[in-house]
Amino acid sequence: MIESICSDNDVVEQNIRMCTLRAADYRGRSAEASILDYRERVAVYQPTYETIDGPTTGNEETNKSWIKIIDCKRFIINNIRGYLPSRIVQFVSHIHQQSHAFYLCRHGQSEYNVLGKIGGDSGLSAEGDRFAAALADFSKKEIAIDRDGLFGPKNGVAPARLWTSTMKRTIDTSRYLQHSEVQIAYQGDDVEGRSQKWIQFRPRAWPNLDELFAGVCDGMTYAEIKEHYPEEYTRRQKNKLAYRYPRGESYLDMIHRLDPILHEMERHREPLLIIAHQGSCTFFFCLP
């Protein structure tokens, strides 16, 4: 069981507004009427609500597995054992009350893309370089702007993060991004809201984000794979998800190495630009 307790009235009001805007129950109703109805629902539940392992439970839940989250700062973990429950604890310990945006971007056209080859570590083509310049302009005007006032005045500067794979084509796609220094301050953090220096789009390269490794087929075109490895080509066509290249990876292998990235993504509060590859971007797009 997981229980989340929020005692911050401002956060409660913000959550009520977000819930009423998204809930199907309130579709077509005004915001004021929806919020009023939601508050009435909460008021009905409050007298009968019982917290996990509370004084009225008679110690019945003392030996059960549960997590209690208080204001996304304090975590009470009770009788948690095993791999999956431990992973759940790790994930929920990263959550916070502030919404944040992810921007997924495939690298610009590479020299291998032009030749129809898979894998490799080639640089960008001329078209890919133009895409990198356009991405820098978009990032400055859209990603690094705090339109909702989450980090200060509305339409001010938003601190932004940048992740790439370790491959040259993703790093080159980020080369026109500006790494200016700004000042940020978070209320309720471990330095008590003091102003701190922040480098915009400070690059961080993750090997977890690298493209699927094609093993002995790396650097070949699909036509060449069909010619030199016809059996492997046929096997891949039958099950692309589970197929593993000889001395290489399968998409299931890639999903496994992307799992830690999800936890790290949830931990941060700032807008995050991820420049990666077709396979890894597809994985993120498929998440609910």
Protein backbone atom coordinates (compact mmCIF):
# COMPACT_ATOMS: atom_id res chain seq x y z
CA MET A 1 0.00 0.00 0.00
CA ILE A 2 1.13 3.56 -0.69
CA GLU A 3 -0.34 6.56 1.15
CA SER A 4 0.47 10.15 0.24
CA ILE A 5 -0.33 12.87 2.80
CA CYS A 6 -0.15 16.54 1.88
CA SER A 7 -0.46 19.18 4.61
CA ASP A 8 0.51 22.18 2.47
CA ASN A 9 -2.74 24.04 1.68
CA ASP A 10 -1.26 25.80 -1.36
CA VAL A 11 -0.23 22.46 -2.86
CA VAL A 12 -3.64 20.96 -2.04
CA GLU A 13 -5.38 23.81 -3.88
CA GLN A 14 -3.05 23.41 -6.84
CA ASN A 15 -3.74 19.67 -6.99
CA ILE A 16 -7.50 20.26 -6.83
CA ARG A 17 -7.29 22.61 -9.80
CA MET A 18 -5.18 20.14 -11.80
CA CYS A 19 -7.53 17.23 -10.99
CA THR A 20 -10.67 19.12 -11.96
CA LEU A 21 -9.16 20.28 -15.24
CA ARG A 22 -8.18 16.75 -16.28
CA ALA A 23 -10.95 14.58 -14.79
CA ALA A 24 -13.61 13.25 -17.15
CA ASP A 25 -16.24 13.89 -14.44
CA TYR A 26 -15.87 17.64 -14.93
CA ARG A 27 -15.69 17.78 -18.71
CA GLY A 28 -17.87 20.59 -19.98
CA ARG A 29 -18.29 22.22 -16.57
CA SER A 30 -16.87 25.55 -15.49
CA ALA A 31 -13.66 25.61 -13.44
CA GLU A 32 -15.40 27.28 -10.48
CA ALA A 33 -18.20 24.70 -10.32
CA SER A 34 -15.74 21.83 -10.72
CA ILE A 35 -13.48 23.04 -7.93
CA LEU A 36 -16.44 23.58 -5.59
CA ASP A 37 -17.74 20.07 -6.26
CA TYR A 38 -14.29 18.54 -5.70
CA ARG A 39 -13.90 20.33 -2.37
CA GLU A 40 -17.30 19.00 -1.31
CA ARG A 41 -16.16 15.47 -2.16
CA VAL A 42 -13.04 15.90 -0.06
CA ALA A 43 -15.10 17.20 2.86
CA VAL A 44 -17.31 14.07 2.73
CA TYR A 45 -14.29 11.74 2.86
CA GLN A 46 -12.37 13.55 5.59
CA PRO A 47 -14.41 12.40 8.68
CA THR A 48 -14.03 8.71 7.77
CA TYR A 49 -10.49 8.73 6.40
CA GLU A 50 -8.01 6.54 8.30
CA THR A 51 -4.27 6.79 7.81
CA ILE A 52 -2.18 3.64 7.41
CA ASP A 53 -1.21 2.15 10.78
CA GLY A 54 -3.15 4.91 12.54
CA PRO A 55 -4.43 4.78 16.13
CA THR A 56 -7.79 3.32 15.06
CA THR A 57 -6.33 0.35 13.15
CA GLY A 58 -5.42 -1.62 16.26
CA ASN A 59 -1.91 -2.45 15.00
CA GLU A 60 -3.43 -4.61 12.24
CA GLU A 61 -1.17 -3.00 9.62
CA THR A 62 2.06 -3.03 11.62
CA ASN A 63 3.40 -6.10 9.84
CA LYS A 64 2.05 -5.30 6.37
CA SER A 65 4.08 -3.78 3.54
CA TRP A 66 3.38 -0.08 3.04
CA ILE A 67 4.92 3.30 2.26
CA LYS A 68 3.71 6.58 3.72
CA ILE A 69 4.73 9.79 1.91
CA ILE A 70 4.35 13.08 3.78
CA ASP A 71 4.59 16.28 1.71
CA CYS A 72 6.98 14.48 -0.69
CA LYS A 73 9.74 15.05 1.89
CA ARG A 74 9.29 12.43 4.59
CA PHE A 75 9.00 8.75 3.78
CA ILE A 76 7.96 6.03 6.23
CA ILE A 77 8.79 2.58 4.85
CA ASN A 78 7.38 -0.46 6.62
CA ASN A 79 8.29 -4.12 6.05
CA ILE A 80 9.45 -3.69 2.45
CA ARG A 81 11.29 -6.73 1.08
CA GLY A 82 12.14 -8.07 -2.36
CA TYR A 83 13.37 -6.64 -5.64
CA LEU A 84 10.18 -5.09 -7.05
CA PRO A 85 8.97 -3.51 -3.75
CA SER A 86 12.46 -2.05 -3.28
CA ARG A 87 12.37 -0.57 -6.78
CA ILE A 88 8.98 0.99 -6.00
CA VAL A 89 10.47 2.57 -2.87
CA GLN A 90 13.33 3.98 -4.92
CA PHE A 91 10.95 5.43 -7.49
CA VAL A 92 8.48 7.06 -5.07
CA SER A 93 11.36 8.58 -3.08
CA HIS A 94 12.15 10.64 -6.19
CA ILE A 95 8.70 12.12 -6.70
CA HIS A 96 7.93 15.75 -5.89
CA GLN A 97 4.99 18.12 -6.05
CA GLN A 98 6.15 20.23 -8.96
CA SER A 99 5.26 19.39 -12.54
CA HIS A 100 8.12 19.22 -15.02
CA ALA A 101 8.51 18.87 -18.78
CA PHE A 102 10.54 16.43 -20.88
CA TYR A 103 11.59 17.24 -24.44
CA LEU A 104 12.57 14.18 -26.50
CA CYS A 105 14.66 14.81 -29.59
CA ARG A 106 16.29 12.42 -32.01
CA HIS A 107 19.72 13.50 -33.20
CA GLY A 108 20.05 15.42 -36.46
CA GLN A 109 20.64 13.55 -39.69
CA SER A 110 23.98 11.72 -39.49
CA GLU A 111 26.42 10.73 -42.24
CA TYR A 112 25.40 7.10 -41.72
CA ASN A 113 21.72 8.07 -42.09
CA VAL A 114 22.52 9.46 -45.53
CA LEU A 115 24.20 6.18 -46.50
CA GLY A 116 21.44 4.03 -45.01
CA LYS A 117 23.81 2.39 -42.52
CA ILE A 118 22.84 1.39 -38.97
CA GLY A 119 24.83 2.01 -35.79
CA GLY A 120 28.30 3.45 -36.01
CA ASP A 121 29.48 6.71 -34.49
CA SER A 122 29.39 9.11 -37.40
CA GLY A 123 29.01 12.87 -37.21
CA LEU A 124 26.20 15.00 -38.61
CA SER A 125 25.50 15.71 -42.25
CA ALA A 126 25.00 19.28 -43.47
CA GLU A 127 21.23 18.81 -42.96
CA GLY A 128 21.86 17.48 -39.47
CA ASP A 129 23.96 20.53 -38.64
CA ARG A 130 21.13 22.85 -39.73
CA PHE A 131 18.78 20.87 -37.48
CA ALA A 132 21.18 21.34 -34.54
CA ALA A 133 21.12 25.12 -35.07
CA ALA A 134 17.30 25.11 -35.22
CA LEU A 135 17.14 23.04 -32.03
CA ALA A 136 19.29 25.60 -30.19
CA ASP A 137 16.95 28.38 -31.26
CA PHE A 138 13.87 26.37 -30.15
CA SER A 139 15.49 25.54 -26.79
CA LYS A 140 16.25 29.18 -26.05
CA LYS A 141 12.74 30.38 -26.93
CA GLU A 142 10.67 27.48 -25.56
CA ILE A 143 12.50 25.21 -23.11
CA ALA A 144 14.43 27.84 -21.15
CA ILE A 145 11.41 30.12 -20.66
CA ASP A 146 9.42 29.81 -17.42
CA ARG A 147 5.95 30.56 -18.82
CA ASP A 148 4.08 29.31 -15.73
CA GLY A 149 6.25 31.01 -13.12
CA LEU A 150 7.42 27.74 -11.53
CA PHE A 151 10.92 29.07 -10.86
CA GLY A 152 10.27 32.80 -10.50
CA PRO A 153 8.40 35.49 -12.45
CA LYS A 154 6.27 34.29 -15.35
CA ASN A 155 8.09 34.29 -18.70
CA GLY A 156 11.41 34.53 -16.88
CA VAL A 157 14.34 32.16 -17.22
CA ALA A 158 13.74 28.49 -16.47
CA PRO A 159 16.75 26.38 -15.43
CA ALA A 160 17.09 23.64 -18.03
CA ARG A 161 18.92 20.32 -18.22
CA LEU A 162 20.49 18.55 -21.20
CA TRP A 163 21.12 14.83 -21.58
CA THR A 164 22.63 13.11 -24.60
CA SER A 165 23.94 9.66 -25.35
CA THR A 166 27.70 9.17 -25.64
CA MET A 167 27.45 8.95 -29.43
CA LYS A 168 28.99 11.72 -31.53
CA ARG A 169 25.79 12.46 -33.47
CA THR A 170 23.79 13.30 -30.33
CA ILE A 171 26.58 15.39 -28.82
CA ASP A 172 27.00 17.28 -32.09
CA THR A 173 23.26 17.95 -32.21
CA SER A 174 23.62 19.85 -28.93
CA ARG A 175 26.66 21.90 -29.92
CA TYR A 176 24.84 25.19 -30.59
CA LEU A 177 23.02 25.27 -27.25
CA GLN A 178 24.07 28.18 -25.04
CA HIS A 179 25.46 27.36 -21.59
CA SER A 180 24.84 30.67 -19.84
CA GLU A 181 24.99 31.06 -16.07
CA VAL A 182 21.79 31.97 -14.20
CA GLN A 183 20.73 32.21 -10.56
CA ILE A 184 18.03 29.90 -9.16
CA ALA A 185 16.40 29.44 -5.75
CA TYR A 186 14.02 26.73 -4.57
CA GLN A 187 11.79 27.14 -1.57
CA GLY A 188 11.88 24.24 0.88
CA ASP A 189 15.08 22.68 -0.45
CA ASP A 190 18.06 21.54 1.60
CA VAL A 191 19.80 24.94 1.34
CA GLU A 192 16.69 26.79 2.56
CA GLY A 193 15.97 28.68 -0.64
CA ARG A 194 19.35 30.38 -0.98
CA SER A 195 20.31 31.53 -4.47
CA GLN A 196 22.55 29.13 -6.39
CA LYS A 197 24.44 29.27 -9.67
CA TRP A 198 23.04 27.22 -12.53
CA ILE A 199 24.62 26.47 -15.93
CA GLN A 200 21.94 26.26 -18.61
CA PHE A 201 21.89 23.00 -20.58
CA ARG A 202 24.99 21.69 -18.85
CA PRO A 203 25.76 18.61 -20.99
CA ARG A 204 25.52 15.15 -19.46
CA ALA A 205 26.22 12.12 -21.66
CA TRP A 206 24.57 8.83 -20.65
CA PRO A 207 25.72 5.49 -22.14
CA ASN A 208 22.24 4.20 -21.17
CA LEU A 209 20.82 6.42 -23.93
CA ASP A 210 23.08 5.00 -26.67
CA GLU A 211 21.47 3.51 -29.75
CA LEU A 212 20.86 -0.23 -30.00
CA PHE A 213 24.20 -1.95 -30.63
CA ALA A 214 23.97 -4.04 -33.80
CA GLY A 215 27.00 -6.23 -33.03
CA VAL A 216 28.55 -7.80 -36.15
CA CYS A 217 26.03 -5.88 -38.28
CA ASP A 218 27.11 -2.48 -36.98
CA GLY A 219 27.88 -0.11 -39.83
CA MET A 220 26.02 -2.15 -42.46
CA THR A 221 22.91 -1.34 -44.47
CA TYR A 222 19.84 -3.59 -44.16
CA ALA A 223 20.47 -4.75 -47.74
CA GLU A 224 24.00 -5.81 -46.74
CA ILE A 225 22.68 -7.62 -43.66
CA LYS A 226 20.17 -9.49 -45.86
CA GLU A 227 22.99 -10.48 -48.24
CA HIS A 228 25.64 -11.52 -45.68
CA TYR A 229 23.40 -12.70 -42.81
CA PRO A 230 20.13 -13.85 -44.43
CA GLU A 231 19.08 -16.00 -41.46
CA GLU A 232 19.63 -13.13 -39.01
CA TYR A 233 17.71 -10.79 -41.29
CA THR A 234 14.73 -13.18 -41.34
CA ARG A 235 14.82 -13.71 -37.56
CA ARG A 236 14.76 -9.96 -36.98
CA GLN A 237 11.79 -9.49 -39.32
CA LYS A 238 9.79 -12.03 -37.29
CA ASN A 239 10.32 -10.44 -33.87
CA LYS A 240 12.11 -7.09 -33.78
CA LEU A 241 11.45 -6.57 -30.07
CA ALA A 242 13.20 -9.71 -28.81
CA TYR A 243 15.70 -10.21 -31.64
CA ARG A 244 19.31 -9.80 -30.54
CA TYR A 245 22.02 -9.03 -33.10
CA PRO A 246 24.99 -11.44 -32.97
CA ARG A 247 27.36 -9.99 -30.33
CA GLY A 248 24.92 -7.10 -30.02
CA GLU A 249 21.70 -6.09 -28.28
CA SER A 250 17.97 -6.58 -28.53
CA TYR A 251 15.34 -3.92 -27.84
CA LEU A 252 14.57 -5.76 -24.60
CA ASP A 253 18.23 -5.30 -23.58
CA MET A 254 17.97 -1.59 -24.37
CA ILE A 255 14.75 -1.24 -22.32
CA HIS A 256 16.54 -2.82 -19.36
CA ARG A 257 19.39 -0.27 -19.47
CA LEU A 258 16.95 2.63 -19.86
CA ASP A 259 15.16 1.76 -16.59
CA PRO A 260 17.58 3.77 -14.35
CA ILE A 261 17.05 6.78 -16.63
CA LEU A 262 13.35 6.83 -15.73
CA HIS A 263 14.15 7.13 -12.04
CA GLU A 264 16.60 9.93 -12.70
CA MET A 265 14.07 11.76 -14.90
CA GLU A 266 11.48 11.68 -12.12
CA ARG A 267 13.95 13.00 -9.55
CA HIS A 268 14.54 16.37 -11.25
CA ARG A 269 12.22 19.38 -11.33
CA GLU A 270 13.70 21.38 -14.20
CA PRO A 271 12.75 21.12 -17.90
CA LEU A 272 14.84 18.35 -19.45
CA LEU A 273 15.97 18.08 -23.07
CA ILE A 274 16.99 14.55 -24.06
CA ILE A 275 18.83 14.17 -27.37
CA ALA A 276 18.99 10.48 -28.14
CA HIS A 277 18.23 7.92 -30.86
CA GLN A 278 15.21 6.43 -32.57
CA GLY A 279 15.08 3.36 -30.33
CA SER A 280 15.43 5.13 -27.00
CA CYS A 281 13.05 7.95 -27.96
CA THR A 282 10.45 5.38 -29.05
CA PHE A 283 10.72 3.71 -25.63
CA PHE A 284 9.98 6.99 -23.84
CA PHE A 285 7.08 7.79 -26.18
CA CYS A 286 5.49 4.42 -25.36
CA LEU A 287 5.34 5.15 -21.63
CA PRO A 288 1.80 5.78 -20.26
